N, C-alpha and C. Protein backbone atom coordinates (compact mmCIF):
# COMPACT_ATOMS: atom_id res chain seq x y z
N UNK A 1 10.88 -150.84 29.21
CA UNK A 1 11.20 -150.56 27.84
C UNK A 1 12.39 -151.43 27.44
N UNK A 2 12.30 -152.04 26.32
CA UNK A 2 13.33 -152.93 25.84
C UNK A 2 14.27 -152.18 24.89
N UNK A 3 15.54 -152.45 25.02
CA UNK A 3 16.53 -151.83 24.14
C UNK A 3 16.50 -152.48 22.76
N UNK A 4 16.81 -151.67 21.78
CA UNK A 4 16.90 -152.21 20.41
C UNK A 4 18.11 -153.12 20.29
N UNK A 5 19.21 -152.71 20.94
CA UNK A 5 20.41 -153.54 20.94
C UNK A 5 20.51 -154.19 22.31
N UNK A 6 20.72 -155.49 22.37
CA UNK A 6 20.79 -156.17 23.66
C UNK A 6 21.99 -155.74 24.52
N UNK A 7 23.11 -155.43 23.90
CA UNK A 7 24.27 -154.99 24.69
C UNK A 7 24.87 -153.75 24.04
N UNK A 8 25.40 -152.91 24.88
CA UNK A 8 25.99 -151.68 24.37
C UNK A 8 27.49 -151.85 24.24
N UNK A 9 28.05 -151.39 23.18
CA UNK A 9 29.50 -151.40 22.99
C UNK A 9 30.09 -150.14 23.59
N UNK A 10 31.30 -149.85 23.16
CA UNK A 10 31.96 -148.65 23.63
C UNK A 10 31.25 -147.41 23.10
N UNK A 11 31.19 -146.39 23.93
CA UNK A 11 30.59 -145.15 23.51
C UNK A 11 31.58 -144.29 22.74
N UNK A 12 31.12 -143.19 22.23
CA UNK A 12 31.95 -142.29 21.44
C UNK A 12 33.13 -141.76 22.24
N UNK A 13 32.90 -141.44 23.51
CA UNK A 13 33.97 -140.93 24.36
C UNK A 13 35.12 -141.91 24.47
N UNK A 14 34.82 -143.19 24.67
CA UNK A 14 35.85 -144.23 24.76
C UNK A 14 36.60 -144.37 23.44
N UNK A 15 35.88 -144.31 22.33
CA UNK A 15 36.50 -144.45 21.02
C UNK A 15 37.46 -143.29 20.74
N UNK A 16 37.06 -142.09 21.07
CA UNK A 16 37.91 -140.92 20.85
C UNK A 16 39.15 -141.00 21.73
N UNK A 17 38.98 -141.38 22.98
CA UNK A 17 40.10 -141.51 23.89
C UNK A 17 41.11 -142.53 23.37
N UNK A 18 40.63 -143.65 22.90
CA UNK A 18 41.52 -144.68 22.34
C UNK A 18 42.23 -144.17 21.10
N UNK A 19 41.50 -143.49 20.24
CA UNK A 19 42.07 -142.98 18.99
C UNK A 19 43.18 -141.97 19.25
N UNK A 20 43.02 -141.17 20.31
CA UNK A 20 44.03 -140.17 20.64
C UNK A 20 45.16 -140.74 21.49
N UNK A 21 45.04 -142.00 21.86
CA UNK A 21 46.11 -142.67 22.60
C UNK A 21 46.15 -142.31 24.08
N UNK A 22 45.10 -141.74 24.57
CA UNK A 22 45.09 -141.35 25.99
C UNK A 22 44.19 -142.25 26.80
N UNK A 23 44.24 -142.07 28.05
CA UNK A 23 43.37 -142.81 28.95
C UNK A 23 42.66 -141.84 29.86
N UNK A 24 41.66 -142.29 30.46
CA UNK A 24 40.95 -141.44 31.42
C UNK A 24 41.70 -141.42 32.73
N UNK A 25 41.60 -140.32 33.46
CA UNK A 25 42.28 -140.26 34.75
C UNK A 25 41.74 -141.33 35.70
N UNK A 26 42.63 -141.92 36.47
CA UNK A 26 42.25 -143.01 37.36
C UNK A 26 41.38 -142.53 38.52
N UNK A 27 41.63 -141.33 38.99
CA UNK A 27 40.88 -140.84 40.15
C UNK A 27 40.63 -139.35 39.99
N UNK A 28 39.76 -138.85 40.82
CA UNK A 28 39.50 -137.42 40.81
C UNK A 28 40.69 -136.68 41.40
N UNK A 29 40.88 -135.45 40.95
CA UNK A 29 41.99 -134.68 41.50
C UNK A 29 41.62 -134.20 42.90
N UNK A 30 42.65 -133.94 43.67
CA UNK A 30 42.46 -133.49 45.05
C UNK A 30 41.80 -132.11 45.06
N UNK A 31 40.84 -131.92 45.93
CA UNK A 31 40.19 -130.62 46.03
C UNK A 31 41.17 -129.61 46.62
N UNK A 32 41.00 -128.36 46.26
CA UNK A 32 41.92 -127.35 46.74
C UNK A 32 41.58 -126.89 48.16
N UNK A 33 40.35 -127.08 48.58
CA UNK A 33 39.96 -126.66 49.93
C UNK A 33 40.00 -127.83 50.90
N UNK A 34 40.61 -127.60 52.03
CA UNK A 34 40.64 -128.62 53.08
C UNK A 34 39.36 -128.50 53.90
N UNK A 35 38.71 -129.61 54.12
CA UNK A 35 37.55 -129.70 55.01
C UNK A 35 37.84 -130.83 55.97
N UNK A 36 38.20 -130.49 57.21
CA UNK A 36 38.58 -131.52 58.17
C UNK A 36 38.18 -131.11 59.58
N UNK A 37 37.23 -131.85 60.13
CA UNK A 37 36.81 -131.58 61.51
C UNK A 37 37.96 -131.84 62.48
N UNK A 38 38.75 -132.87 62.21
CA UNK A 38 39.89 -133.18 63.09
C UNK A 38 40.88 -132.01 63.11
N UNK A 39 41.13 -131.42 61.96
CA UNK A 39 42.06 -130.28 61.90
C UNK A 39 41.48 -129.10 62.68
N UNK A 40 40.19 -128.82 62.50
CA UNK A 40 39.57 -127.71 63.22
C UNK A 40 39.63 -127.95 64.73
N UNK A 41 39.47 -129.19 65.16
CA UNK A 41 39.57 -129.52 66.59
C UNK A 41 41.01 -129.30 67.09
N UNK A 42 42.00 -129.68 66.28
CA UNK A 42 43.39 -129.45 66.65
C UNK A 42 43.69 -127.96 66.78
N UNK A 43 43.13 -127.16 65.88
CA UNK A 43 43.32 -125.71 65.94
C UNK A 43 42.69 -125.16 67.21
N UNK A 44 41.46 -125.55 67.50
CA UNK A 44 40.77 -125.04 68.69
C UNK A 44 41.49 -125.45 69.97
N UNK A 45 42.11 -126.63 69.96
CA UNK A 45 42.80 -127.13 71.15
C UNK A 45 44.03 -126.29 71.50
N UNK A 46 44.51 -125.47 70.58
CA UNK A 46 45.68 -124.63 70.85
C UNK A 46 45.36 -123.53 71.86
N UNK A 47 44.11 -123.13 71.96
CA UNK A 47 43.75 -122.01 72.83
C UNK A 47 43.86 -120.72 72.03
N UNK A 48 43.16 -119.70 72.47
CA UNK A 48 43.11 -118.42 71.77
C UNK A 48 44.51 -117.83 71.60
N UNK A 49 44.82 -117.38 70.40
CA UNK A 49 46.13 -116.77 70.13
C UNK A 49 46.32 -115.46 70.88
N UNK A 50 45.24 -114.80 71.24
CA UNK A 50 45.32 -113.50 71.90
C UNK A 50 45.27 -113.63 73.42
N UNK A 51 44.26 -114.37 73.91
CA UNK A 51 44.03 -114.43 75.36
C UNK A 51 44.51 -115.71 76.02
N UNK A 52 44.70 -116.77 75.24
CA UNK A 52 45.09 -118.06 75.80
C UNK A 52 43.92 -118.85 76.37
N UNK A 53 42.72 -118.29 76.30
CA UNK A 53 41.52 -118.96 76.82
C UNK A 53 41.06 -120.05 75.85
N UNK A 54 40.10 -120.90 76.25
CA UNK A 54 39.56 -121.90 75.34
C UNK A 54 39.08 -121.22 74.05
N UNK A 55 39.27 -121.92 72.93
CA UNK A 55 39.06 -121.27 71.64
C UNK A 55 38.17 -122.07 70.71
N UNK A 56 37.79 -121.40 69.63
CA UNK A 56 37.08 -122.00 68.52
C UNK A 56 37.95 -121.82 67.28
N UNK A 57 37.81 -122.71 66.32
CA UNK A 57 38.54 -122.55 65.06
C UNK A 57 37.84 -121.47 64.25
N UNK A 58 38.55 -120.42 63.95
CA UNK A 58 38.00 -119.26 63.25
C UNK A 58 38.52 -119.25 61.81
N UNK A 59 37.62 -119.20 60.84
CA UNK A 59 38.02 -119.11 59.43
C UNK A 59 38.28 -117.65 59.08
N UNK A 60 39.26 -117.39 58.23
CA UNK A 60 39.44 -116.01 57.77
C UNK A 60 38.24 -115.59 56.93
N UNK A 61 37.92 -114.31 56.99
CA UNK A 61 36.82 -113.78 56.19
C UNK A 61 37.38 -113.28 54.86
N UNK A 62 37.97 -114.21 54.13
CA UNK A 62 38.64 -113.88 52.88
C UNK A 62 38.43 -115.02 51.90
N UNK A 63 38.25 -114.67 50.64
CA UNK A 63 38.15 -115.67 49.57
C UNK A 63 37.05 -116.70 49.84
N UNK A 64 35.90 -116.19 50.22
CA UNK A 64 34.77 -117.07 50.46
C UNK A 64 33.51 -116.37 49.98
N UNK A 65 32.43 -117.07 49.97
CA UNK A 65 31.17 -116.47 49.56
C UNK A 65 30.18 -117.55 49.18
N UNK A 66 28.96 -117.15 49.01
CA UNK A 66 27.93 -118.10 48.61
C UNK A 66 27.75 -119.23 49.61
N UNK A 67 27.92 -118.92 50.89
CA UNK A 67 27.75 -119.95 51.92
C UNK A 67 28.96 -120.83 52.13
N UNK A 68 30.09 -120.52 51.47
CA UNK A 68 31.30 -121.32 51.63
C UNK A 68 32.27 -120.65 52.60
N UNK A 69 32.89 -121.45 53.41
CA UNK A 69 33.95 -120.97 54.30
C UNK A 69 35.27 -121.05 53.56
N UNK A 70 36.25 -120.31 54.04
CA UNK A 70 37.60 -120.40 53.50
C UNK A 70 38.17 -121.78 53.86
N UNK A 71 39.28 -122.11 53.26
CA UNK A 71 39.94 -123.40 53.49
C UNK A 71 40.26 -123.60 54.97
N UNK A 72 39.99 -124.80 55.49
CA UNK A 72 40.25 -125.11 56.90
C UNK A 72 41.74 -124.98 57.26
N UNK A 73 42.63 -125.09 56.28
CA UNK A 73 44.06 -124.99 56.58
C UNK A 73 44.43 -123.58 57.04
N UNK A 74 43.57 -122.59 56.79
CA UNK A 74 43.83 -121.22 57.21
C UNK A 74 43.20 -120.87 58.55
N UNK A 75 42.51 -121.83 59.19
CA UNK A 75 41.86 -121.57 60.47
C UNK A 75 42.87 -121.19 61.54
N UNK A 76 42.41 -120.38 62.48
CA UNK A 76 43.23 -120.00 63.62
C UNK A 76 42.34 -119.96 64.85
N UNK A 77 42.90 -120.16 66.05
CA UNK A 77 42.08 -120.23 67.26
C UNK A 77 41.81 -118.85 67.88
N UNK A 78 40.55 -118.56 68.11
CA UNK A 78 40.15 -117.35 68.83
C UNK A 78 39.09 -117.73 69.86
N UNK A 79 39.08 -117.02 70.99
CA UNK A 79 38.04 -117.26 71.98
C UNK A 79 36.71 -116.80 71.39
N UNK A 80 35.59 -117.28 71.91
CA UNK A 80 34.28 -116.96 71.31
C UNK A 80 34.01 -115.46 71.14
N UNK A 81 34.40 -114.64 72.12
CA UNK A 81 34.14 -113.20 72.01
C UNK A 81 34.93 -112.57 70.86
N UNK A 82 36.20 -112.93 70.74
CA UNK A 82 37.02 -112.39 69.65
C UNK A 82 36.59 -112.96 68.30
N UNK A 83 36.17 -114.22 68.29
CA UNK A 83 35.67 -114.84 67.06
C UNK A 83 34.44 -114.07 66.57
N UNK A 84 33.54 -113.77 67.48
CA UNK A 84 32.32 -113.04 67.12
C UNK A 84 32.68 -111.65 66.58
N UNK A 85 33.60 -110.95 67.28
CA UNK A 85 34.01 -109.62 66.83
C UNK A 85 34.67 -109.69 65.45
N UNK A 86 35.46 -110.71 65.24
CA UNK A 86 36.13 -110.89 63.95
C UNK A 86 35.11 -111.10 62.84
N UNK A 87 34.13 -111.96 63.06
CA UNK A 87 33.14 -112.28 62.03
C UNK A 87 32.15 -111.15 61.78
N UNK A 88 31.91 -110.32 62.78
CA UNK A 88 30.89 -109.27 62.64
C UNK A 88 31.48 -107.91 62.31
N UNK A 89 32.73 -107.91 61.85
CA UNK A 89 33.32 -106.65 61.39
C UNK A 89 33.81 -105.73 62.49
N UNK A 90 34.18 -106.26 63.63
CA UNK A 90 34.69 -105.44 64.73
C UNK A 90 36.11 -104.95 64.50
N UNK A 91 36.73 -105.37 63.41
CA UNK A 91 38.09 -104.98 63.07
C UNK A 91 38.05 -104.38 61.67
N UNK A 92 38.71 -103.23 61.44
CA UNK A 92 38.72 -102.67 60.09
C UNK A 92 39.24 -103.68 59.07
N UNK A 93 38.70 -103.64 57.86
CA UNK A 93 38.97 -104.66 56.84
C UNK A 93 40.46 -104.84 56.56
N UNK A 94 41.20 -103.76 56.34
CA UNK A 94 42.62 -103.90 56.00
C UNK A 94 43.42 -104.47 57.18
N UNK A 95 43.09 -104.06 58.40
CA UNK A 95 43.77 -104.62 59.58
C UNK A 95 43.43 -106.10 59.71
N UNK A 96 42.18 -106.45 59.44
CA UNK A 96 41.73 -107.84 59.56
C UNK A 96 42.50 -108.74 58.60
N UNK A 97 42.75 -108.30 57.38
CA UNK A 97 43.51 -109.10 56.41
C UNK A 97 44.92 -109.41 56.93
N UNK A 98 45.59 -108.40 57.45
CA UNK A 98 46.95 -108.59 57.99
C UNK A 98 46.93 -109.52 59.20
N UNK A 99 45.94 -109.34 60.07
CA UNK A 99 45.84 -110.19 61.26
C UNK A 99 45.53 -111.63 60.87
N UNK A 100 44.61 -111.83 59.93
CA UNK A 100 44.27 -113.19 59.49
C UNK A 100 45.50 -113.91 58.94
N UNK A 101 46.28 -113.21 58.14
CA UNK A 101 47.50 -113.80 57.57
C UNK A 101 48.47 -114.17 58.68
N UNK A 102 48.69 -113.24 59.61
CA UNK A 102 49.63 -113.49 60.72
C UNK A 102 49.15 -114.64 61.60
N UNK A 103 47.85 -114.66 61.91
CA UNK A 103 47.30 -115.72 62.76
C UNK A 103 47.41 -117.09 62.07
N UNK A 104 47.18 -117.14 60.75
CA UNK A 104 47.28 -118.41 60.02
C UNK A 104 48.72 -118.94 60.06
N UNK A 105 49.69 -118.05 59.90
CA UNK A 105 51.11 -118.43 59.95
C UNK A 105 51.48 -118.92 61.35
N UNK A 106 51.02 -118.21 62.38
CA UNK A 106 51.31 -118.61 63.77
C UNK A 106 50.69 -119.97 64.09
N UNK A 107 49.46 -120.17 63.67
CA UNK A 107 48.76 -121.43 63.92
C UNK A 107 49.48 -122.59 63.25
N UNK A 108 49.91 -122.37 62.02
CA UNK A 108 50.67 -123.40 61.29
C UNK A 108 51.93 -123.78 62.07
N UNK A 109 52.67 -122.79 62.55
CA UNK A 109 53.91 -123.05 63.29
C UNK A 109 53.62 -123.85 64.57
N UNK A 110 52.56 -123.49 65.28
CA UNK A 110 52.21 -124.21 66.52
C UNK A 110 51.83 -125.66 66.24
N UNK A 111 51.05 -125.88 65.19
CA UNK A 111 50.64 -127.25 64.85
C UNK A 111 51.83 -128.07 64.34
N UNK A 112 52.75 -127.44 63.62
CA UNK A 112 53.96 -128.14 63.17
C UNK A 112 54.80 -128.58 64.38
N UNK A 113 54.92 -127.71 65.38
CA UNK A 113 55.68 -128.05 66.59
C UNK A 113 55.10 -129.27 67.29
N UNK A 114 53.79 -129.41 67.21
CA UNK A 114 53.11 -130.53 67.89
C UNK A 114 52.96 -131.76 66.99
N UNK A 115 53.46 -131.67 65.78
CA UNK A 115 53.37 -132.81 64.85
C UNK A 115 51.98 -133.04 64.30
N UNK A 116 51.16 -132.00 64.26
CA UNK A 116 49.77 -132.13 63.81
C UNK A 116 49.55 -131.51 62.44
N UNK A 117 50.63 -131.19 61.75
CA UNK A 117 50.53 -130.55 60.43
C UNK A 117 51.02 -131.55 59.39
N UNK A 118 50.12 -132.07 58.59
CA UNK A 118 50.45 -133.12 57.63
C UNK A 118 50.84 -132.53 56.27
N UNK A 119 51.48 -133.32 55.41
CA UNK A 119 51.79 -132.83 54.06
C UNK A 119 50.54 -132.43 53.26
N UNK A 120 49.45 -133.14 53.47
CA UNK A 120 48.20 -132.79 52.76
C UNK A 120 47.70 -131.42 53.19
N UNK A 121 47.79 -131.13 54.48
CA UNK A 121 47.37 -129.81 54.98
C UNK A 121 48.31 -128.74 54.41
N UNK A 122 49.60 -129.04 54.38
CA UNK A 122 50.58 -128.07 53.86
C UNK A 122 50.31 -127.74 52.39
N UNK A 123 49.98 -128.74 51.57
CA UNK A 123 49.67 -128.48 50.15
C UNK A 123 48.49 -127.54 50.02
N UNK A 124 47.45 -127.80 50.77
CA UNK A 124 46.25 -126.95 50.70
C UNK A 124 46.55 -125.56 51.25
N UNK A 125 47.36 -125.51 52.32
CA UNK A 125 47.73 -124.24 52.94
C UNK A 125 48.48 -123.37 51.92
N UNK A 126 49.44 -123.96 51.22
CA UNK A 126 50.23 -123.19 50.26
C UNK A 126 49.35 -122.61 49.15
N UNK A 127 48.35 -123.36 48.72
CA UNK A 127 47.42 -122.85 47.70
C UNK A 127 46.54 -121.74 48.25
N UNK A 128 46.10 -121.90 49.50
CA UNK A 128 45.13 -120.97 50.08
C UNK A 128 45.77 -119.69 50.62
N UNK A 129 47.02 -119.76 51.08
CA UNK A 129 47.62 -118.61 51.75
C UNK A 129 48.09 -117.55 50.75
N UNK A 130 48.44 -117.94 49.53
CA UNK A 130 49.01 -116.99 48.56
C UNK A 130 48.14 -115.75 48.33
N UNK A 131 46.84 -115.89 48.03
CA UNK A 131 46.04 -114.68 47.83
C UNK A 131 45.90 -113.84 49.10
N UNK A 132 45.77 -114.50 50.24
CA UNK A 132 45.65 -113.77 51.51
C UNK A 132 46.94 -113.02 51.80
N UNK A 133 48.08 -113.66 51.55
CA UNK A 133 49.38 -113.02 51.78
C UNK A 133 49.53 -111.78 50.90
N UNK A 134 49.12 -111.89 49.64
CA UNK A 134 49.21 -110.76 48.72
C UNK A 134 48.40 -109.56 49.24
N UNK A 135 47.17 -109.81 49.68
CA UNK A 135 46.31 -108.74 50.19
C UNK A 135 46.89 -108.18 51.49
N UNK A 136 47.41 -109.06 52.35
CA UNK A 136 47.98 -108.61 53.62
C UNK A 136 49.21 -107.73 53.39
N UNK A 137 50.03 -108.09 52.40
CA UNK A 137 51.23 -107.30 52.09
C UNK A 137 50.82 -105.91 51.57
N UNK A 138 49.76 -105.87 50.77
CA UNK A 138 49.27 -104.60 50.26
C UNK A 138 48.76 -103.70 51.38
N UNK A 139 48.17 -104.33 52.41
CA UNK A 139 47.63 -103.57 53.53
C UNK A 139 48.75 -102.96 54.37
N UNK A 140 49.94 -103.58 54.34
CA UNK A 140 51.06 -103.05 55.11
C UNK A 140 51.06 -103.57 56.52
N UNK A 141 52.11 -103.25 57.29
CA UNK A 141 52.21 -103.74 58.67
C UNK A 141 51.19 -103.07 59.58
N UNK A 142 50.88 -103.77 60.67
CA UNK A 142 49.89 -103.22 61.62
C UNK A 142 50.52 -102.17 62.50
């Protein structure tokens, strides 16, 4: 199919942007969720926070749904048996929220000690931890 006009000029969006004196953003904004296999491997390499045995990176069961996991910056290491119990509701919900918050804070401290916690992870962590911290504080101490 041949175009009526051989070349296209600026579209309406470009004209409006120019008229308002603005420009389009140069790049997409950073996503709020961290997705990093390297980070999950670093978390698992710490060993289980409870038993010290080989671990898996466990996501908190908070602020997720529709097939999405929580932010990787909140991952903490648990051995496979404890990971399974955590995911399948082996811990009461209110206790689980407090434990997830505590485990995320402990994991962050351990990774910072080893120099494996980057500023990008910290930015995402600060965004992701706030709602979990609020719920954990409401649940009270264990």
